[in-house]
Amino acid sequence: MVNSKGASHPRGYKLSSHMRKLEEAKLIKVQKQFVERKPKTTYTATTRGALELKNYLAQIQNVIEKVEE
């Protein structure tokens, strides 16, 4: 779970635009609420999102292992 306050990307992009793309791909769920009158956005990986991340990390691990050989 990630809590974002709109952190800026070095090239000027907002994290929210990246998160929106992940939401559109159904890789994360977004919950927006107010806590003590302040906006709070919570991002949670979907089942599909968690599986995609696990597969991606396995691929990266394979690359690392090949480099270490």
Protein backbone atom coordinates (compact mmCIF):
# COMPACT_ATOMS: atom_id res chain seq x y z
CA MET A 1 0.00 0.00 0.00
CA VAL A 2 1.34 3.42 -0.93
CA ASN A 3 0.21 6.76 0.40
CA SER A 4 0.96 9.62 -1.98
CA LYS A 5 0.89 13.35 -1.48
CA GLY A 6 1.42 14.17 -5.17
CA ALA A 7 5.21 13.79 -5.17
CA SER A 8 6.77 15.36 -8.24
CA HIS A 9 8.73 13.47 -10.87
CA PRO A 10 12.10 15.03 -11.84
CA ARG A 11 10.73 15.78 -15.33
CA GLY A 12 7.64 17.50 -13.96
CA TYR A 13 5.20 14.58 -14.15
CA LYS A 14 2.95 13.95 -11.19
CA LEU A 15 2.86 10.57 -9.50
CA SER A 16 -0.92 10.71 -9.76
CA SER A 17 -0.80 10.42 -13.56
CA HIS A 18 1.27 7.23 -13.30
CA MET A 19 -1.05 5.84 -10.66
CA ARG A 20 -4.07 6.64 -12.84
CA LYS A 21 -2.59 4.51 -15.63
CA LEU A 22 -2.10 1.61 -13.20
CA GLU A 23 -5.71 2.03 -12.03
CA GLU A 24 -6.99 2.05 -15.63
CA ALA A 25 -5.08 -1.20 -16.21
CA LYS A 26 -6.79 -2.62 -13.09
CA LEU A 27 -3.43 -3.20 -11.39
CA ILE A 28 -4.28 -1.04 -8.36
CA LYS A 29 -7.33 0.17 -6.47
CA VAL A 30 -7.58 3.79 -5.40
CA GLN A 31 -9.37 4.99 -2.28
CA LYS A 32 -9.78 8.72 -1.71
CA GLN A 33 -10.98 10.08 1.61
CA PHE A 34 -10.57 12.96 4.02
CA VAL A 35 -8.80 12.46 7.34
CA GLU A 36 -9.00 15.40 9.73
CA ARG A 37 -10.11 17.60 6.82
CA LYS A 38 -7.09 16.67 4.74
CA PRO A 39 -7.30 14.59 1.54
CA LYS A 40 -5.77 11.12 1.75
CA THR A 41 -5.33 8.80 -1.22
CA THR A 42 -4.49 5.14 -0.63
CA TYR A 43 -3.32 2.79 -3.38
CA THR A 44 -3.65 -0.98 -3.02
CA ALA A 45 -2.48 -3.63 -5.48
CA THR A 46 -5.23 -5.78 -6.98
CA THR A 47 -4.78 -9.54 -7.20
CA ARG A 48 -3.77 -9.11 -10.83
CA GLY A 49 -1.46 -6.21 -9.93
CA ALA A 50 0.29 -8.25 -7.24
CA LEU A 51 0.76 -11.15 -9.67
CA GLU A 52 2.14 -8.84 -12.37
CA LEU A 53 4.57 -7.31 -9.86
CA LYS A 54 5.69 -10.76 -8.68
CA ASN A 55 6.32 -11.85 -12.29
CA TYR A 56 8.21 -8.63 -13.05
CA LEU A 57 10.43 -9.06 -9.99
CA ALA A 58 11.15 -12.68 -10.97
CA GLN A 59 12.26 -11.49 -14.41
CA ILE A 60 14.52 -8.86 -12.84
CA GLN A 61 15.98 -11.51 -10.51
CA ASN A 62 16.78 -13.69 -13.54
CA VAL A 63 18.61 -10.79 -15.18
CA ILE A 64 20.61 -10.17 -12.00
CA GLU A 65 21.56 -13.84 -11.73
CA LYS A 66 22.77 -13.87 -15.36
CA VAL A 67 24.90 -10.77 -14.76
CA GLU A 68 26.48 -12.36 -11.68
CA GLU A 69 27.55 -15.46 -13.64
